[in-house]
Amino acid sequence: MALPSFTEHPAAVGESYGEHMHTAAWFGWRMLLGSMACFVHALLPFLFTRTGSATVTQLHDRMVVNRVRAEKLAGLRQGA
């Protein structure tokens, strides 16, 4: 079995190793903060009433919507 590459996955998503590390760390912190808000909300339902869903929406938009938009833009540039 081959050893995992530190650059294979980042390259597959169009990032350098450093860019991918920064993005993954940002996502990790956002998920951690959103998770903590959900646990507080579970105990005190009048707090953080929209934080969990807002965090999920933000993460989805940054990961999926922006990637699709960037891929379409790249495709338009190649076709021009």
PDB file of N, CA and C in Angstrom:
ATOM      1  N   MET A   1       0.837  -1.174   0.000  1.00  0.00           N
ATOM      2  CA  MET A   1       0.000   0.000   0.000  1.00  0.00           C
ATOM      3  C   MET A   1       0.887   1.244   0.000  1.00  0.00           C
ATOM      4  N   ALA A   2       0.544   2.194  -0.847  1.00  0.00           N
ATOM      5  CA  ALA A   2       1.335   3.414  -0.960  1.00  0.00           C
ATOM      6  C   ALA A   2       1.094   4.331   0.234  1.00  0.00           C
ATOM      7  N   LEU A   3       2.109   5.087   0.582  1.00  0.00           N
ATOM      8  CA  LEU A   3       1.971   6.065   1.651  1.00  0.00           C
ATOM      9  C   LEU A   3       1.079   7.222   1.186  1.00  0.00           C
ATOM     10  N   PRO A   4       0.293   7.770   2.095  1.00  0.00           N
ATOM     11  CA  PRO A   4      -0.552   8.892   1.683  1.00  0.00           C
ATOM     12  C   PRO A   4       0.289  10.120   1.341  1.00  0.00           C
ATOM     13  N   SER A   5      -0.157  10.862   0.363  1.00  0.00           N
ATOM     14  CA  SER A   5       0.544  12.061  -0.064  1.00  0.00           C
ATOM     15  C   SER A   5      -0.030  13.280   0.645  1.00  0.00           C
ATOM     16  N   PHE A   6       0.847  14.168   1.084  1.00  0.00           N
ATOM     17  CA  PHE A   6       0.401  15.394   1.740  1.00  0.00           C
ATOM     18  C   PHE A   6      -0.162  16.399   0.743  1.00  0.00           C
ATOM     19  N   THR A   7       0.075  16.184  -0.529  1.00  0.00           N
ATOM     20  CA  THR A   7      -0.372  17.156  -1.522  1.00  0.00           C
ATOM     21  C   THR A   7      -1.436  16.631  -2.477  1.00  0.00           C
ATOM     22  N   GLU A   8      -1.683  15.331  -2.476  1.00  0.00           N
ATOM     23  CA  GLU A   8      -2.626  14.749  -3.436  1.00  0.00           C
ATOM     24  C   GLU A   8      -4.044  15.293  -3.254  1.00  0.00           C
ATOM     25  N   HIS A   9      -4.586  15.206  -2.044  1.00  0.00           N
ATOM     26  CA  HIS A   9      -5.943  15.691  -1.823  1.00  0.00           C
ATOM     27  C   HIS A   9      -6.040  17.211  -1.990  1.00  0.00           C
ATOM     28  N   PRO A  10      -5.143  18.004  -1.387  1.00  0.00           N
ATOM     29  CA  PRO A  10      -5.238  19.447  -1.606  1.00  0.00           C
ATOM     30  C   PRO A  10      -5.223  19.816  -3.094  1.00  0.00           C
ATOM     31  N   ALA A  11      -4.372  19.162  -3.871  1.00  0.00           N
ATOM     32  CA  ALA A  11      -4.318  19.440  -5.311  1.00  0.00           C
ATOM     33  C   ALA A  11      -5.626  19.069  -5.989  1.00  0.00           C
ATOM     34  N   ALA A  12      -6.261  17.997  -5.510  1.00  0.00           N
ATOM     35  CA  ALA A  12      -7.521  17.552  -6.110  1.00  0.00           C
ATOM     36  C   ALA A  12      -8.640  18.568  -5.912  1.00  0.00           C
ATOM     37  N   VAL A  13      -8.532  19.391  -4.874  1.00  0.00           N
ATOM     38  CA  VAL A  13      -9.554  20.419  -4.647  1.00  0.00           C
ATOM     39  C   VAL A  13      -9.037  21.812  -5.013  1.00  0.00           C
ATOM     40  N   GLY A  14      -7.919  21.862  -5.739  1.00  0.00           N
ATOM     41  CA  GLY A  14      -7.413  23.121  -6.269  1.00  0.00           C
ATOM     42  C   GLY A  14      -6.707  23.997  -5.252  1.00  0.00           C
ATOM     43  N   GLU A  15      -6.082  23.389  -4.254  1.00  0.00           N
ATOM     44  CA  GLU A  15      -5.393  24.162  -3.227  1.00  0.00           C
ATOM     45  C   GLU A  15      -3.977  23.638  -3.023  1.00  0.00           C
ATOM     46  N   SER A  16      -3.110  24.514  -2.527  1.00  0.00           N
ATOM     47  CA  SER A  16      -1.791  24.067  -2.095  1.00  0.00           C
ATOM     48  C   SER A  16      -1.958  23.430  -0.715  1.00  0.00           C
ATOM     49  N   TYR A  17      -0.887  22.816  -0.222  1.00  0.00           N
ATOM     50  CA  TYR A  17      -0.948  22.205   1.106  1.00  0.00           C
ATOM     51  C   TYR A  17      -1.282  23.258   2.159  1.00  0.00           C
ATOM     52  N   GLY A  18      -0.609  24.410   2.104  1.00  0.00           N
ATOM     53  CA  GLY A  18      -0.845  25.484   3.072  1.00  0.00           C
ATOM     54  C   GLY A  18      -2.257  26.049   2.990  1.00  0.00           C
ATOM     55  N   GLU A  19      -2.742  26.267   1.760  1.00  0.00           N
ATOM     56  CA  GLU A  19      -4.117  26.760   1.591  1.00  0.00           C
ATOM     57  C   GLU A  19      -5.120  25.775   2.166  1.00  0.00           C
ATOM     58  N   HIS A  20      -4.884  24.495   1.898  1.00  0.00           N
ATOM     59  CA  HIS A  20      -5.804  23.473   2.389  1.00  0.00           C
ATOM     60  C   HIS A  20      -5.773  23.392   3.910  1.00  0.00           C
ATOM     61  N   MET A  21      -4.589  23.508   4.492  1.00  0.00           N
ATOM     62  CA  MET A  21      -4.470  23.479   5.948  1.00  0.00           C
ATOM     63  C   MET A  21      -5.243  24.651   6.562  1.00  0.00           C
ATOM     64  N   HIS A  22      -5.100  25.825   5.986  1.00  0.00           N
ATOM     65  CA  HIS A  22      -5.811  27.001   6.485  1.00  0.00           C
ATOM     66  C   HIS A  22      -7.327  26.823   6.369  1.00  0.00           C
ATOM     67  N   THR A  23      -7.780  26.377   5.216  1.00  0.00           N
ATOM     68  CA  THR A  23      -9.215  26.190   4.997  1.00  0.00           C
ATOM     69  C   THR A  23      -9.777  25.119   5.921  1.00  0.00           C
ATOM     70  N   ALA A  24      -9.087  23.998   6.045  1.00  0.00           N
ATOM     71  CA  ALA A  24      -9.563  22.909   6.902  1.00  0.00           C
ATOM     72  C   ALA A  24      -9.599  23.339   8.365  1.00  0.00           C
ATOM     73  N   ALA A  25      -8.597  24.105   8.785  1.00  0.00           N
ATOM     74  CA  ALA A  25      -8.588  24.600  10.172  1.00  0.00           C
ATOM     75  C   ALA A  25      -9.743  25.573  10.404  1.00  0.00           C
ATOM     76  N   TRP A  26     -10.010  26.440   9.428  1.00  0.00           N
ATOM     77  CA  TRP A  26     -11.141  27.375   9.537  1.00  0.00           C
ATOM     78  C   TRP A  26     -12.451  26.606   9.677  1.00  0.00           C
ATOM     79  N   PHE A  27     -12.635  25.582   8.842  1.00  0.00           N
ATOM     80  CA  PHE A  27     -13.843  24.760   8.923  1.00  0.00           C
ATOM     81  C   PHE A  27     -13.939  24.073  10.279  1.00  0.00           C
ATOM     82  N   GLY A  28     -12.821  23.549  10.754  1.00  0.00           N
ATOM     83  CA  GLY A  28     -12.810  22.880  12.054  1.00  0.00           C
ATOM     84  C   GLY A  28     -13.247  23.806  13.178  1.00  0.00           C
ATOM     85  N   TRP A  29     -12.705  25.025  13.199  1.00  0.00           N
ATOM     86  CA  TRP A  29     -13.093  25.982  14.244  1.00  0.00           C
ATOM     87  C   TRP A  29     -14.563  26.355  14.146  1.00  0.00           C
ATOM     88  N   ARG A  30     -15.046  26.582  12.915  1.00  0.00           N
ATOM     89  CA  ARG A  30     -16.470  26.938  12.748  1.00  0.00           C
ATOM     90  C   ARG A  30     -17.358  25.791  13.231  1.00  0.00           C
ATOM     91  N   MET A  31     -16.989  24.552  12.907  1.00  0.00           N
ATOM     92  CA  MET A  31     -17.781  23.408  13.360  1.00  0.00           C
ATOM     93  C   MET A  31     -17.726  23.274  14.872  1.00  0.00           C
ATOM     94  N   LEU A  32     -16.564  23.498  15.464  1.00  0.00           N
ATOM     95  CA  LEU A  32     -16.429  23.409  16.912  1.00  0.00           C
ATOM     96  C   LEU A  32     -17.294  24.471  17.607  1.00  0.00           C
ATOM     97  N   LEU A  33     -17.227  25.694  17.132  1.00  0.00           N
ATOM     98  CA  LEU A  33     -18.031  26.763  17.735  1.00  0.00           C
ATOM     99  C   LEU A  33     -19.529  26.509  17.549  1.00  0.00           C
ATOM    100  N   GLY A  34     -19.911  26.070  16.351  1.00  0.00           N
ATOM    101  CA  GLY A  34     -21.313  25.753  16.102  1.00  0.00           C
ATOM    102  C   GLY A  34     -21.792  24.605  16.979  1.00  0.00           C
ATOM    103  N   SER A  35     -20.936  23.611  17.168  1.00  0.00           N
ATOM    104  CA  SER A  35     -21.267  22.469  18.020  1.00  0.00           C
ATOM    105  C   SER A  35     -21.466  22.906  19.467  1.00  0.00           C
ATOM    106  N   MET A  36     -20.561  23.754  19.956  1.00  0.00           N
ATOM    107  CA  MET A  36     -20.705  24.229  21.338  1.00  0.00           C
ATOM    108  C   MET A  36     -22.000  25.028  21.506  1.00  0.00           C
ATOM    109  N   ALA A  37     -22.338  25.847  20.514  1.00  0.00           N
ATOM    110  CA  ALA A  37     -23.586  26.603  20.576  1.00  0.00           C
ATOM    111  C   ALA A  37     -24.785  25.661  20.615  1.00  0.00           C
ATOM    112  N   CYS A  38     -24.728  24.553  19.867  1.00  0.00           N
ATOM    113  CA  CYS A  38     -25.834  23.583  19.875  1.00  0.00           C
ATOM    114  C   CYS A  38     -25.977  22.910  21.240  1.00  0.00           C
ATOM    115  N   PHE A  39     -24.854  22.575  21.874  1.00  0.00           N
ATOM    116  CA  PHE A  39     -24.924  21.963  23.207  1.00  0.00           C
ATOM    117  C   PHE A  39     -25.498  22.937  24.234  1.00  0.00           C
ATOM    118  N   VAL A  40     -25.103  24.197  24.157  1.00  0.00           N
ATOM    119  CA  VAL A  40     -25.671  25.196  25.065  1.00  0.00           C
ATOM    120  C   VAL A  40     -27.164  25.340  24.787  1.00  0.00           C
ATOM    121  N   HIS A  41     -27.532  25.371  23.512  1.00  0.00           N
ATOM    122  CA  HIS A  41     -28.941  25.477  23.122  1.00  0.00           C
ATOM    123  C   HIS A  41     -29.754  24.285  23.644  1.00  0.00           C
ATOM    124  N   ALA A  42     -29.156  23.111  23.660  1.00  0.00           N
ATOM    125  CA  ALA A  42     -29.858  21.926  24.162  1.00  0.00           C
ATOM    126  C   ALA A  42     -30.244  22.105  25.631  1.00  0.00           C
ATOM    127  N   LEU A  43     -29.366  22.739  26.401  1.00  0.00           N
ATOM    128  CA  LEU A  43     -29.632  22.956  27.827  1.00  0.00           C
ATOM    129  C   LEU A  43     -30.481  24.204  28.076  1.00  0.00           C
ATOM    130  N   LEU A  44     -30.230  25.227  27.292  1.00  0.00           N
ATOM    131  CA  LEU A  44     -30.920  26.510  27.454  1.00  0.00           C
ATOM    132  C   LEU A  44     -31.504  26.916  26.101  1.00  0.00           C
ATOM    133  N   PRO A  45     -32.681  26.396  25.763  1.00  0.00           N
ATOM    134  CA  PRO A  45     -33.209  26.528  24.407  1.00  0.00           C
ATOM    135  C   PRO A  45     -33.487  27.956  23.945  1.00  0.00           C
ATOM    136  N   PHE A  46     -33.468  28.901  24.853  1.00  0.00           N
ATOM    137  CA  PHE A  46     -33.695  30.293  24.466  1.00  0.00           C
ATOM    138  C   PHE A  46     -32.405  30.967  23.989  1.00  0.00           C
ATOM    139  N   LEU A  47     -31.267  30.283  24.102  1.00  0.00           N
ATOM    140  CA  LEU A  47     -29.990  30.807  23.618  1.00  0.00           C
ATOM    141  C   LEU A  47     -29.596  30.128  22.306  1.00  0.00           C
ATOM    142  N   PHE A  48     -28.908  30.860  21.485  1.00  0.00           N
ATOM    143  CA  PHE A  48     -28.353  30.338  20.219  1.00  0.00           C
ATOM    144  C   PHE A  48     -29.413  29.626  19.376  1.00  0.00           C
ATOM    145  N   THR A  49     -30.558  30.256  19.224  1.00  0.00           N
ATOM    146  CA  THR A  49     -31.683  29.615  18.538  1.00  0.00           C
ATOM    147  C   THR A  49     -31.438  29.388  17.045  1.00  0.00           C
ATOM    148  N   ARG A  50     -30.542  30.150  16.437  1.00  0.00           N
ATOM    149  CA  ARG A  50     -30.301  29.980  15.009  1.00  0.00           C
ATOM    150  C   ARG A  50     -28.829  29.725  14.680  1.00  0.00           C
ATOM    151  N   THR A  51     -28.001  29.651  15.685  1.00  0.00           N
ATOM    152  CA  THR A  51     -26.556  29.543  15.456  1.00  0.00           C
ATOM    153  C   THR A  51     -26.172  28.244  14.749  1.00  0.00           C
ATOM    154  N   GLY A  52     -26.739  27.125  15.161  1.00  0.00           N
ATOM    155  CA  GLY A  52     -26.408  25.843  14.533  1.00  0.00           C
ATOM    156  C   GLY A  52     -26.765  25.819  13.060  1.00  0.00           C
ATOM    157  N   SER A  53     -27.988  26.214  12.730  1.00  0.00           N
ATOM    158  CA  SER A  53     -28.402  26.199  11.322  1.00  0.00           C
ATOM    159  C   SER A  53     -27.641  27.242  10.514  1.00  0.00           C
ATOM    160  N   ALA A  54     -27.345  28.397  11.109  1.00  0.00           N
ATOM    161  CA  ALA A  54     -26.567  29.415  10.396  1.00  0.00           C
ATOM    162  C   ALA A  54     -25.153  28.924  10.120  1.00  0.00           C
ATOM    163  N   THR A  55     -24.574  28.192  11.054  1.00  0.00           N
ATOM    164  CA  THR A  55     -23.232  27.644  10.867  1.00  0.00           C
ATOM    165  C   THR A  55     -23.223  26.616   9.744  1.00  0.00           C
ATOM    166  N   VAL A  56     -24.213  25.725   9.741  1.00  0.00           N
ATOM    167  CA  VAL A  56     -24.306  24.710   8.681  1.00  0.00           C
ATOM    168  C   VAL A  56     -24.463  25.383   7.317  1.00  0.00           C
ATOM    169  N   THR A  57     -25.314  26.396   7.244  1.00  0.00           N
ATOM    170  CA  THR A  57     -25.522  27.118   5.983  1.00  0.00           C
ATOM    171  C   THR A  57     -24.234  27.777   5.518  1.00  0.00           C
ATOM    172  N   GLN A  58     -23.528  28.428   6.444  1.00  0.00           N
ATOM    173  CA  GLN A  58     -22.273  29.094   6.099  1.00  0.00           C
ATOM    174  C   GLN A  58     -21.242  28.087   5.594  1.00  0.00           C
ATOM    175  N   LEU A  59     -21.122  26.962   6.277  1.00  0.00           N
ATOM    176  CA  LEU A  59     -20.155  25.946   5.870  1.00  0.00           C
ATOM    177  C   LEU A  59     -20.516  25.359   4.506  1.00  0.00           C
ATOM    178  N   HIS A  60     -21.789  25.081   4.295  1.00  0.00           N
ATOM    179  CA  HIS A  60     -22.243  24.549   3.009  1.00  0.00           C
ATOM    180  C   HIS A  60     -21.951  25.537   1.888  1.00  0.00           C
ATOM    181  N   ASP A  61     -22.291  26.803   2.122  1.00  0.00           N
ATOM    182  CA  ASP A  61     -22.055  27.809   1.088  1.00  0.00           C
ATOM    183  C   ASP A  61     -20.572  27.924   0.750  1.00  0.00           C
ATOM    184  N   ARG A  62     -19.732  27.924   1.761  1.00  0.00           N
ATOM    185  CA  ARG A  62     -18.305  28.079   1.503  1.00  0.00           C
ATOM    186  C   ARG A  62     -17.711  26.853   0.828  1.00  0.00           C
ATOM    187  N   MET A  63     -18.179  25.660   1.197  1.00  0.00           N
ATOM    188  CA  MET A  63     -17.593  24.449   0.639  1.00  0.00           C
ATOM    189  C   MET A  63     -18.198  24.067  -0.706  1.00  0.00           C
ATOM    190  N   VAL A  64     -19.509  24.073  -0.811  1.00  0.00           N
ATOM    191  CA  VAL A  64     -20.165  23.541  -2.005  1.00  0.00           C
ATOM    192  C   VAL A  64     -20.497  24.634  -3.006  1.00  0.00           C
ATOM    193  N   VAL A  65     -21.230  25.642  -2.586  1.00  0.00           N
ATOM    194  CA  VAL A  65     -21.690  26.672  -3.515  1.00  0.00           C
ATOM    195  C   VAL A  65     -20.512  27.420  -4.128  1.00  0.00           C
ATOM    196  N   ASN A  66     -19.549  27.834  -3.296  1.00  0.00           N
ATOM    197  CA  ASN A  66     -18.399  28.561  -3.824  1.00  0.00           C
ATOM    198  C   ASN A  66     -17.539  27.692  -4.727  1.00  0.00           C
ATOM    199  N   ARG A  67     -17.417  26.392  -4.416  1.00  0.00           N
ATOM    200  CA  ARG A  67     -16.629  25.494  -5.265  1.00  0.00           C
ATOM    201  C   ARG A  67     -17.279  25.340  -6.630  1.00  0.00           C
ATOM    202  N   VAL A  68     -18.597  25.158  -6.651  1.00  0.00           N
ATOM    203  CA  VAL A  68     -19.312  25.022  -7.925  1.00  0.00           C
ATOM    204  C   VAL A  68     -19.175  26.300  -8.729  1.00  0.00           C
ATOM    205  N   ARG A  69     -19.305  27.446  -8.067  1.00  0.00           N
ATOM    206  CA  ARG A  69     -19.174  28.740  -8.742  1.00  0.00           C
ATOM    207  C   ARG A  69     -17.766  28.889  -9.312  1.00  0.00           C
ATOM    208  N   ALA A  70     -16.742  28.508  -8.549  1.00  0.00           N
ATOM    209  CA  ALA A  70     -15.354  28.610  -9.017  1.00  0.00           C
ATOM    210  C   ALA A  70     -15.106  27.670 -10.192  1.00  0.00           C
ATOM    211  N   GLU A  71     -15.688  26.454 -10.143  1.00  0.00           N
ATOM    212  CA  GLU A  71     -15.508  25.509 -11.250  1.00  0.00           C
ATOM    213  C   GLU A  71     -16.160  26.028 -12.523  1.00  0.00           C
ATOM    214  N   LYS A  72     -17.344  26.637 -12.392  1.00  0.00           N
ATOM    215  CA  LYS A  72     -18.008  27.208 -13.572  1.00  0.00           C
ATOM    216  C   LYS A  72     -17.188  28.355 -14.146  1.00  0.00           C
ATOM    217  N   LEU A  73     -16.656  29.211 -13.288  1.00  0.00           N
ATOM    218  CA  LEU A  73     -15.850  30.315 -13.735  1.00  0.00           C
ATOM    219  C   LEU A  73     -14.591  29.813 -14.444  1.00  0.00           C
ATOM    220  N   ALA A  74     -13.950  28.797 -13.893  1.00  0.00           N
ATOM    221  CA  ALA A  74     -12.755  28.225 -14.509  1.00  0.00           C
ATOM    222  C   ALA A  74     -13.098  27.642 -15.883  1.00  0.00           C
ATOM    223  N   GLY A  75     -14.258  26.988 -15.977  1.00  0.00           N
ATOM    224  CA  GLY A  75     -14.690  26.435 -17.258  1.00  0.00           C
ATOM    225  C   GLY A  75     -14.942  27.506 -18.300  1.00  0.00           C
ATOM    226  N   LEU A  76     -15.508  28.643 -17.863  1.00  0.00           N
ATOM    227  CA  LEU A  76     -15.734  29.752 -18.784  1.00  0.00           C
ATOM    228  C   LEU A  76     -14.428  30.347 -19.247  1.00  0.00           C
ATOM    229  N   ARG A  77     -13.454  30.439 -18.361  1.00  0.00           N
ATOM    230  CA  ARG A  77     -12.144  30.996 -18.731  1.00  0.00           C
ATOM    231  C   ARG A  77     -11.422  30.104 -19.735  1.00  0.00           C
ATOM    232  N   GLN A  78     -11.555  28.771 -19.550  1.00  0.00           N
ATOM    233  CA  GLN A  78     -10.887  27.838 -20.461  1.00  0.00           C
ATOM    234  C   GLN A  78     -11.542  27.866 -21.832  1.00  0.00           C
ATOM    235  N   GLY A  79     -12.849  28.094 -21.863  1.00  0.00           N
ATOM    236  CA  GLY A  79     -13.566  28.108 -23.134  1.00  0.00           C
ATOM    237  C   GLY A  79     -13.398  29.406 -23.893  1.00  0.00           C
ATOM    238  N   ALA A  80     -12.928  30.444 -23.199  1.00  0.00           N
ATOM    239  CA  ALA A  80     -12.799  31.763 -23.847  1.00  0.00           C
ATOM    240  C   ALA A  80     -11.569  31.874 -24.704  1.00  0.00           C
TER     241      ALA A  80
END
